[in-house]
Amino acid sequence: MEVIPDPCTSPAELTVDTVRAWCLELTEVERRIGPRFARWDVRRRVGAYLRGLLSPVERKNGWQIAEVNGDDTPYGVQHLLGRAVWDAEAVRDDLRGYVMESLGTPQGVVVIDETGFLKKGRHSAGVARQYSGTAGRVENCQIGVLLAYASARGQALLDRALYVPKEWTSDRERCPRAGIPAERLFATKPELARRMLEQAFQASVPAAWVTGDSVYGADRRLRLWLEAQERAYVLAVSGKEYVWRGWQQRQVKTILARLPAEGWQRHSAGAGAKGPRWYDWCWLPLAAPMLPAWRRWLLVRRSLSDPTALTAFVVFAPQATTLAEAVQVAGTRWTIESSCEAAKGDVGLDPYEVRSWIGCYRHITLAMWAYALLAVVRARHLPQEGAVPKKMLMQAPPNSLAAFKAARSRGSH
């Protein structure tokens, strides 16, 4: 199992050559996706939009992106996201290939999760009073289901799907006003995740594992589908979930109440903001799948500070898999939360002032491109550990994105 780095860590010092390489990479991204935009003015506008997302401006809304790019009004931005002719799904496909070229490894992990976009009003596509894990409470928001990729080379977001609650899909007059396609029926978050996983596998995304939280682990149909594809997974489950142990179906919370006192092992679930995230772990065999070379386990994580705090995961993996490998995959689940937080803060993943279905998908797709650019240049160009820099930046900013923005700001004067 690869050691996957924390996506939020940054070197203390950066070279001038590295920042120059970032600027060249932005030009390469514009060249790469340019053919997806038939009109030259739209190609120019999408390049300006990416530069706006990468700019130092705090809120990446239409007015501020227009201002940072020297436009008097946000009409050009609004045209790009709403009326211009281009296919966000095709641009998403290009993103997947771009990420895999630099970050893809055979031991990569695909991570599924959702994030909330807080909104006012009731006209934005899919907005509703619903639970947002981002806010930690019920809020008026949109929910986006996201697919991320993590490897030893870095992390990036690969795909997105807007969750549309039943109160929308059952109101066939409301959906057209927000631009939601007529053929879009209600789909649960696990169903949306499965569709994105299927597309990723069809595109030959190299991944040894799939992981996600209990929203996805509790969906038995998703687990069985992954097993039919012979895709190893580590999916969190709640205590209410049932699993087959021996010849009996048992509730997870019942198993957790009778865990053995012996057999626990201490492993780190990966690096966190304060260093390695240590827990005690054990796993118990579950009913074997039909595939002879594969096994199922119930993996349990126990807090060191509070031994009563337990988290359970269902594991499906080749029979030679070790506990340490499963633990590393379970820890990788947090990379998507770090990536979402960074993408919202750094490149405006939140779809500010975007209401329509097509506008949301276009904005999020371009924000994912901006975040992927940062992940790729980090993987390609940041100095290796122990290397001696040739020429250091004076008073280097504390993180890589800050250095990129500072260098671009100096170059514009």
Protein backbone atom coordinates (compact mmCIF):
# COMPACT_ATOMS: atom_id res chain seq x y z
CA MET A 1 0.00 0.00 0.00
CA GLU A 2 1.34 3.41 -0.97
CA VAL A 3 1.87 6.11 1.64
CA ILE A 4 -0.51 8.88 0.61
CA PRO A 5 0.64 12.35 1.65
CA ASP A 6 -1.53 14.92 3.39
CA PRO A 7 -2.93 17.17 0.63
CA CYS A 8 -2.69 20.24 2.85
CA THR A 9 1.02 20.03 3.60
CA SER A 10 3.38 22.38 1.79
CA PRO A 11 7.13 22.87 1.64
CA ALA A 12 8.50 25.82 3.56
CA GLU A 13 10.47 27.09 0.58
CA LEU A 14 9.85 27.17 -3.17
CA THR A 15 12.14 27.86 -6.09
CA VAL A 16 11.61 30.53 -8.71
CA ASP A 17 11.81 27.77 -11.33
CA THR A 18 8.91 25.96 -9.65
CA VAL A 19 6.60 28.98 -9.78
CA ARG A 20 7.57 29.57 -13.42
CA ALA A 21 6.65 25.97 -14.15
CA TRP A 22 3.21 26.56 -12.61
CA CYS A 23 2.55 29.43 -15.01
CA LEU A 24 3.57 27.23 -17.94
CA GLU A 25 1.25 24.49 -16.68
CA LEU A 26 -1.69 26.88 -16.70
CA THR A 27 -0.95 27.65 -20.33
CA GLU A 28 -0.78 23.91 -21.04
CA VAL A 29 -4.19 23.37 -19.42
CA GLU A 30 -5.72 26.11 -21.58
CA ARG A 31 -4.19 24.49 -24.68
CA ARG A 32 -5.40 21.06 -23.63
CA ILE A 33 -9.08 21.89 -23.14
CA GLY A 34 -9.23 24.59 -25.83
CA PRO A 35 -10.59 22.27 -28.56
CA ARG A 36 -13.71 21.69 -26.42
CA PHE A 37 -14.73 25.31 -27.11
CA ALA A 38 -15.52 25.99 -30.76
CA ARG A 39 -15.57 29.80 -30.57
CA TRP A 40 -12.34 31.66 -29.93
CA ASP A 41 -14.03 34.14 -27.58
CA VAL A 42 -15.29 31.27 -25.39
CA ARG A 43 -11.80 29.72 -25.35
CA ARG A 44 -10.39 33.06 -24.23
CA ARG A 45 -13.11 33.38 -21.61
CA VAL A 46 -12.51 29.92 -20.11
CA GLY A 47 -8.80 30.69 -19.77
CA ALA A 48 -9.65 33.94 -18.01
CA TYR A 49 -12.09 32.09 -15.74
CA LEU A 50 -9.39 29.61 -14.70
CA ARG A 51 -7.02 32.48 -13.98
CA GLY A 52 -9.74 34.11 -11.91
CA LEU A 53 -10.25 30.92 -9.89
CA LEU A 54 -6.51 30.80 -9.24
CA SER A 55 -6.29 34.50 -8.39
CA PRO A 56 -5.92 35.99 -4.89
CA VAL A 57 -9.52 37.23 -4.91
CA GLU A 58 -11.33 35.81 -1.89
CA ARG A 59 -14.82 35.20 -3.31
CA LYS A 60 -14.82 33.62 -6.74
CA ASN A 61 -18.17 35.09 -7.85
CA GLY A 62 -18.96 36.55 -11.26
CA TRP A 63 -18.26 40.16 -10.34
CA GLN A 64 -14.92 39.52 -8.67
CA ILE A 65 -13.65 37.13 -11.35
CA ALA A 66 -14.63 39.71 -13.97
CA GLU A 67 -12.86 42.44 -12.03
CA VAL A 68 -9.64 40.48 -11.58
CA ASN A 69 -9.60 39.83 -15.34
CA GLY A 70 -10.20 43.48 -16.24
CA ASP A 71 -13.85 43.24 -17.33
CA ASP A 72 -16.31 45.99 -16.53
CA THR A 73 -19.26 43.63 -16.03
CA PRO A 74 -19.78 39.93 -15.17
CA TYR A 75 -21.75 39.32 -18.37
CA GLY A 76 -18.90 37.42 -20.01
CA VAL A 77 -18.60 35.10 -17.01
CA GLN A 78 -22.37 34.57 -16.97
CA HIS A 79 -22.35 33.77 -20.69
CA LEU A 80 -19.57 31.19 -20.22
CA LEU A 81 -21.44 29.39 -17.45
CA GLY A 82 -24.94 29.67 -18.87
CA ARG A 83 -25.37 30.28 -22.59
CA ALA A 84 -22.08 29.45 -24.31
CA VAL A 85 -21.99 26.18 -26.25
CA TRP A 86 -19.68 23.62 -24.64
CA ASP A 87 -19.95 20.20 -23.03
CA ALA A 88 -18.99 20.08 -19.35
CA GLU A 89 -18.95 16.27 -19.45
CA ALA A 90 -16.32 16.25 -22.19
CA VAL A 91 -14.22 18.74 -20.24
CA ARG A 92 -14.62 16.44 -17.21
CA ASP A 93 -13.32 13.55 -19.31
CA ASP A 94 -10.25 15.62 -20.19
CA LEU A 95 -9.75 16.34 -16.50
CA ARG A 96 -9.75 12.63 -15.67
CA GLY A 97 -7.04 11.94 -18.24
CA TYR A 98 -4.96 14.90 -17.10
CA VAL A 99 -5.04 13.78 -13.46
CA MET A 100 -4.22 10.16 -14.29
CA GLU A 101 -1.19 11.12 -16.37
CA SER A 102 0.52 12.69 -13.36
CA LEU A 103 -1.11 11.16 -10.29
CA GLY A 104 -2.27 7.73 -11.47
CA THR A 105 -0.66 4.63 -9.93
CA PRO A 106 -1.81 1.00 -9.78
CA GLN A 107 -2.24 1.33 -6.00
CA GLY A 108 -4.38 4.48 -6.19
CA VAL A 109 -7.57 4.88 -4.17
CA VAL A 110 -10.90 6.23 -5.43
CA VAL A 111 -12.74 8.11 -2.68
CA ILE A 112 -16.46 8.95 -2.67
CA ASP A 113 -18.09 11.58 -0.48
CA GLU A 114 -20.43 14.54 -0.64
CA THR A 115 -20.05 18.20 0.23
CA GLY A 116 -22.56 20.95 0.90
CA PHE A 117 -22.84 24.31 -0.86
CA LEU A 118 -24.74 26.74 1.36
CA LYS A 119 -27.28 28.76 -0.62
CA LYS A 120 -29.97 31.35 -0.01
CA GLY A 121 -33.44 31.14 -1.52
CA ARG A 122 -35.09 28.19 -3.23
CA HIS A 123 -34.38 28.68 -6.93
CA SER A 124 -30.89 27.14 -7.27
CA ALA A 125 -31.00 23.65 -8.79
CA GLY A 126 -31.44 21.01 -6.08
CA VAL A 127 -31.35 23.44 -3.16
CA ALA A 128 -33.31 22.33 -0.08
CA ARG A 129 -33.28 22.20 3.67
CA GLN A 130 -31.09 19.13 4.12
CA TYR A 131 -28.24 17.85 6.22
CA SER A 132 -24.82 19.14 5.22
CA GLY A 133 -21.78 17.38 6.61
CA THR A 134 -19.80 20.49 5.72
CA ALA A 135 -21.92 22.61 8.07
CA GLY A 136 -22.57 19.74 10.50
CA ARG A 137 -26.31 20.50 10.60
CA VAL A 138 -29.44 20.91 8.47
CA GLU A 139 -29.04 23.93 6.22
CA ASN A 140 -30.48 25.43 3.06
CA CYS A 141 -27.95 24.06 0.60
CA GLN A 142 -27.07 22.08 -2.48
CA ILE A 143 -25.33 18.73 -2.05
CA GLY A 144 -22.70 17.58 -4.51
CA VAL A 145 -21.52 13.96 -4.58
CA LEU A 146 -17.84 13.92 -5.47
CA LEU A 147 -15.37 11.34 -6.72
CA ALA A 148 -11.73 11.91 -5.80
CA TYR A 149 -8.47 10.12 -6.55
CA ALA A 150 -5.59 9.70 -4.12
CA SER A 151 -2.17 8.17 -4.64
CA ALA A 152 1.36 8.61 -3.36
CA ARG A 153 1.74 11.39 -5.95
CA GLY A 154 -1.16 13.53 -4.74
CA GLN A 155 -4.92 14.03 -4.66
CA ALA A 156 -7.47 15.57 -7.01
CA LEU A 157 -11.21 15.61 -7.68
CA LEU A 158 -12.31 13.54 -10.69
CA ASP A 159 -16.08 13.79 -11.01
CA ARG A 160 -19.19 15.41 -9.56
CA ALA A 161 -22.95 14.86 -9.45
CA LEU A 162 -25.55 17.25 -8.07
CA TYR A 163 -27.94 15.50 -5.68
CA VAL A 164 -31.57 16.41 -6.45
CA PRO A 165 -33.97 15.74 -3.53
CA LYS A 166 -37.36 14.12 -4.08
CA GLU A 167 -39.14 17.40 -3.43
CA TRP A 168 -37.58 18.59 -6.68
CA THR A 169 -37.98 15.51 -8.86
CA SER A 170 -41.62 15.17 -7.83
CA ASP A 171 -42.28 18.76 -8.93
CA ARG A 172 -41.98 18.57 -12.71
CA GLU A 173 -42.69 22.29 -13.11
CA ARG A 174 -39.96 23.39 -10.74
CA CYS A 175 -37.19 21.35 -12.38
CA PRO A 176 -37.37 22.99 -15.85
CA ARG A 177 -37.14 26.46 -14.30
CA ALA A 178 -33.76 25.51 -12.83
CA GLY A 179 -32.64 23.79 -16.02
CA ILE A 180 -32.74 20.27 -14.55
CA PRO A 181 -33.06 17.81 -17.47
CA ALA A 182 -36.50 16.24 -17.88
CA GLU A 183 -34.96 12.75 -17.89
CA ARG A 184 -33.31 13.30 -14.52
CA LEU A 185 -35.20 11.15 -12.01
CA PHE A 186 -34.55 10.86 -8.31
CA ALA A 187 -31.31 9.06 -7.48
CA THR A 188 -29.79 8.42 -4.06
CA LYS A 189 -26.27 9.53 -3.26
CA PRO A 190 -24.95 5.93 -3.49
CA GLU A 191 -26.63 5.59 -6.91
CA LEU A 192 -24.91 8.77 -8.09
CA ALA A 193 -21.61 7.46 -6.72
CA ARG A 194 -22.05 4.16 -8.54
CA ARG A 195 -22.61 5.94 -11.86
CA MET A 196 -19.43 7.95 -11.41
CA LEU A 197 -17.46 4.88 -10.35
CA GLU A 198 -18.70 3.00 -13.40
CA GLN A 199 -17.54 5.80 -15.69
CA ALA A 200 -14.15 5.94 -13.96
CA PHE A 201 -13.65 2.18 -14.32
CA GLN A 202 -14.72 2.29 -17.97
CA ALA A 203 -12.09 5.01 -18.48
CA SER A 204 -9.47 2.65 -16.96
CA VAL A 205 -8.70 4.83 -13.94
CA PRO A 206 -5.93 2.86 -12.16
CA ALA A 207 -7.19 2.11 -8.66
CA ALA A 208 -6.69 -0.78 -6.29
CA TRP A 209 -9.30 0.40 -3.77
CA VAL A 210 -12.55 2.28 -3.26
CA THR A 211 -13.39 3.95 0.04
CA GLY A 212 -16.14 6.16 1.41
CA ASP A 213 -18.16 7.02 4.50
CA SER A 214 -21.21 5.27 5.96
CA VAL A 215 -23.65 6.91 3.52
CA TYR A 216 -22.10 4.68 0.86
CA GLY A 217 -21.09 1.75 3.04
CA ALA A 218 -24.68 1.33 4.20
CA ASP A 219 -25.84 0.74 0.64
CA ARG A 220 -25.59 -3.03 0.23
CA ARG A 221 -26.34 -2.78 -3.50
CA LEU A 222 -23.28 -0.60 -3.98
CA ARG A 223 -21.10 -3.04 -2.03
CA LEU A 224 -22.36 -6.01 -4.03
CA TRP A 225 -21.84 -4.15 -7.29
CA LEU A 226 -18.22 -3.42 -6.36
CA GLU A 227 -17.73 -7.08 -5.47
CA ALA A 228 -19.14 -8.14 -8.84
CA GLN A 229 -16.58 -5.83 -10.47
CA GLU A 230 -13.85 -7.37 -8.25
CA ARG A 231 -13.05 -3.95 -6.83
CA ALA A 232 -11.58 -3.96 -3.34
CA TYR A 233 -13.20 -1.56 -0.91
CA VAL A 234 -13.08 -0.25 2.65
CA LEU A 235 -16.44 1.40 3.37
CA ALA A 236 -17.54 2.81 6.71
CA VAL A 237 -20.81 1.47 8.17
CA SER A 238 -23.02 2.57 11.03
CA GLY A 239 -23.98 0.42 13.97
CA LYS A 240 -27.41 -0.10 12.40
CA GLU A 241 -25.99 -2.00 9.42
CA TYR A 242 -26.34 -5.81 9.21
CA VAL A 243 -23.49 -8.10 8.13
CA TRP A 244 -23.16 -11.86 7.77
CA ARG A 245 -20.81 -13.37 10.37
CA GLY A 246 -20.62 -17.11 10.32
CA TRP A 247 -24.08 -18.34 9.34
CA GLN A 248 -25.95 -15.53 11.03
CA GLN A 249 -26.87 -12.00 10.05
CA ARG A 250 -25.87 -9.68 12.87
CA GLN A 251 -26.16 -5.97 13.50
CA VAL A 252 -22.83 -4.16 13.60
CA LYS A 253 -23.55 -2.53 16.97
CA THR A 254 -24.12 -5.99 18.47
CA ILE A 255 -20.72 -7.14 17.22
CA LEU A 256 -19.06 -3.98 18.52
CA ALA A 257 -20.50 -4.61 21.99
CA ARG A 258 -18.75 -8.02 22.11
CA LEU A 259 -15.33 -7.24 20.70
CA PRO A 260 -12.43 -9.31 22.07
CA ALA A 261 -10.05 -7.69 24.53
CA GLU A 262 -7.04 -9.19 22.73
CA GLY A 263 -5.82 -8.93 19.17
CA TRP A 264 -5.81 -5.16 18.76
CA GLN A 265 -2.98 -3.57 16.80
CA ARG A 266 -1.87 0.06 16.80
CA HIS A 267 -1.51 1.64 13.36
CA SER A 268 -1.49 5.15 11.96
CA ALA A 269 -4.31 5.95 9.55
CA GLY A 270 -2.03 8.43 7.82
CA ALA A 271 -0.65 11.89 8.45
CA GLY A 272 -2.94 14.56 9.84
CA ALA A 273 -2.53 18.23 10.65
CA LYS A 274 -0.93 17.31 13.99
CA GLY A 275 1.10 14.32 12.83
CA PRO A 276 0.26 10.61 12.46
CA ARG A 277 -3.33 9.65 13.31
CA TRP A 278 -2.88 6.71 15.66
CA TYR A 279 -5.69 4.30 16.56
CA ASP A 280 -6.07 0.76 17.78
CA TRP A 281 -7.49 -1.59 15.15
CA CYS A 282 -8.85 -5.11 14.87
CA TRP A 283 -10.75 -6.99 12.20
CA LEU A 284 -13.07 -9.93 12.24
CA PRO A 285 -13.82 -12.30 9.35
CA LEU A 286 -17.26 -12.06 7.77
CA ALA A 287 -19.02 -14.50 5.49
CA ALA A 288 -16.80 -15.28 2.51
CA PRO A 289 -17.88 -14.01 -0.91
CA MET A 290 -18.44 -16.32 -3.87
CA LEU A 291 -15.03 -15.38 -5.30
CA PRO A 292 -12.52 -17.89 -3.83
CA ALA A 293 -9.52 -15.54 -3.77
CA TRP A 294 -11.37 -12.76 -1.93
CA ARG A 295 -12.43 -12.22 1.67
CA ARG A 296 -14.66 -9.92 3.72
CA TRP A 297 -13.84 -8.45 7.12
CA LEU A 298 -15.36 -6.09 9.66
CA LEU A 299 -12.61 -3.58 10.42
CA VAL A 300 -12.92 -1.69 13.72
CA ARG A 301 -11.12 1.49 14.73
CA ARG A 302 -10.82 2.41 18.42
CA SER A 303 -9.82 5.83 19.74
CA LEU A 304 -6.77 5.94 22.00
CA SER A 305 -8.22 8.70 24.19
CA ASP A 306 -11.72 7.20 24.39
CA PRO A 307 -11.80 3.39 24.02
CA THR A 308 -15.58 3.49 23.75
CA ALA A 309 -15.38 5.51 20.53
CA LEU A 310 -15.54 2.85 17.81
CA THR A 311 -15.88 3.15 14.03
CA ALA A 312 -16.64 0.16 11.81
CA PHE A 313 -15.81 -0.56 8.17
CA VAL A 314 -16.72 -3.41 5.87
CA VAL A 315 -13.70 -4.60 3.88
CA PHE A 316 -13.74 -6.62 0.67
CA ALA A 317 -10.25 -7.45 -0.57
CA PRO A 318 -7.94 -10.21 -1.82
CA GLN A 319 -7.36 -12.82 0.87
CA ALA A 320 -3.65 -11.87 1.18
CA THR A 321 -4.55 -8.33 2.29
CA THR A 322 -3.04 -7.32 5.62
CA LEU A 323 -4.61 -5.31 8.42
CA ALA A 324 -2.06 -2.53 7.86
CA GLU A 325 -3.14 -2.21 4.20
CA ALA A 326 -6.81 -1.97 5.10
CA VAL A 327 -6.01 0.67 7.74
CA GLN A 328 -4.17 2.81 5.18
CA VAL A 329 -7.15 2.70 2.84
CA ALA A 330 -9.55 3.61 5.67
CA GLY A 331 -7.33 6.60 6.45
CA THR A 332 -7.37 7.71 2.82
CA ARG A 333 -11.07 8.52 3.12
CA TRP A 334 -10.16 11.83 4.77
CA THR A 335 -8.25 13.06 1.72
CA ILE A 336 -11.46 14.01 -0.05
CA GLU A 337 -12.55 16.17 2.87
CA SER A 338 -9.19 17.93 2.85
CA SER A 339 -9.37 18.32 -0.92
CA CYS A 340 -12.90 19.80 -0.77
CA GLU A 341 -11.88 22.24 1.94
CA ALA A 342 -8.80 23.31 0.00
CA ALA A 343 -10.69 23.56 -3.29
CA LYS A 344 -13.38 25.72 -1.70
CA GLY A 345 -10.84 27.99 -0.07
CA ASP A 346 -8.30 28.22 -2.88
CA VAL A 347 -10.16 27.90 -6.19
CA GLY A 348 -13.79 28.70 -5.38
CA LEU A 349 -15.35 25.24 -5.60
CA ASP A 350 -18.47 26.65 -3.93
CA PRO A 351 -20.76 27.66 -6.83
CA TYR A 352 -21.30 31.27 -5.74
CA GLU A 353 -24.14 33.04 -7.54
CA VAL A 354 -24.71 30.05 -9.85
CA ARG A 355 -28.32 28.87 -9.84
CA SER A 356 -28.94 26.81 -12.95
CA TRP A 357 -28.17 23.12 -13.39
CA ILE A 358 -25.82 23.72 -16.29
CA GLY A 359 -24.14 26.65 -14.52
CA CYS A 360 -23.42 24.57 -11.41
CA TYR A 361 -21.90 21.73 -13.41
CA ARG A 362 -19.79 24.09 -15.51
CA HIS A 363 -18.49 26.07 -12.56
CA ILE A 364 -17.66 23.00 -10.47
CA THR A 365 -15.95 21.34 -13.45
CA LEU A 366 -13.68 24.34 -14.03
CA ALA A 367 -12.97 24.66 -10.30
CA MET A 368 -11.96 20.98 -10.29
CA TRP A 369 -9.61 21.74 -13.19
CA ALA A 370 -8.03 24.62 -11.26
CA TYR A 371 -7.53 22.41 -8.21
CA ALA A 372 -6.16 19.55 -10.33
CA LEU A 373 -3.64 21.94 -11.87
CA LEU A 374 -2.29 22.72 -8.40
CA ALA A 375 -2.12 19.01 -7.55
CA VAL A 376 -0.34 18.15 -10.79
CA VAL A 377 2.25 20.91 -10.60
CA ARG A 378 2.96 19.91 -7.04
CA ALA A 379 3.55 16.32 -8.13
CA ARG A 380 5.71 17.32 -11.10
CA HIS A 381 7.69 20.29 -9.93
CA LEU A 382 7.97 20.63 -6.16
CA PRO A 383 11.50 19.90 -4.87
CA GLN A 384 12.10 16.38 -3.64
CA GLU A 385 12.78 15.93 0.06
CA GLY A 386 16.43 16.59 0.82
CA ALA A 387 17.13 18.39 -2.47
CA VAL A 388 19.15 21.61 -2.33
CA PRO A 389 17.22 24.45 -4.05
CA LYS A 390 19.06 26.45 -6.71
CA LYS A 391 17.51 29.84 -6.00
CA MET A 392 15.06 30.42 -3.18
CA LEU A 393 12.21 32.89 -3.18
CA MET A 394 12.70 35.78 -0.81
CA GLN A 395 10.16 35.67 2.05
CA ALA A 396 8.37 32.67 0.57
CA PRO A 397 4.65 32.47 1.36
CA PRO A 398 3.65 29.68 3.75
CA ASN A 399 2.04 27.45 1.13
CA SER A 400 2.29 26.55 -2.52
CA LEU A 401 -0.86 28.27 -3.74
CA ALA A 402 0.09 31.48 -1.96
CA ALA A 403 3.46 31.42 -3.72
CA PHE A 404 1.78 30.88 -7.08
CA LYS A 405 -0.60 33.79 -6.54
CA ALA A 406 2.17 36.07 -5.28
CA ALA A 407 4.35 35.32 -8.30
CA ARG A 408 1.49 35.98 -10.72
CA SER A 409 0.68 39.25 -8.96
CA ARG A 410 4.30 40.42 -9.30
CA GLY A 411 4.30 39.47 -12.96
CA SER A 412 1.20 41.54 -13.69
CA HIS A 413 2.76 44.83 -12.58
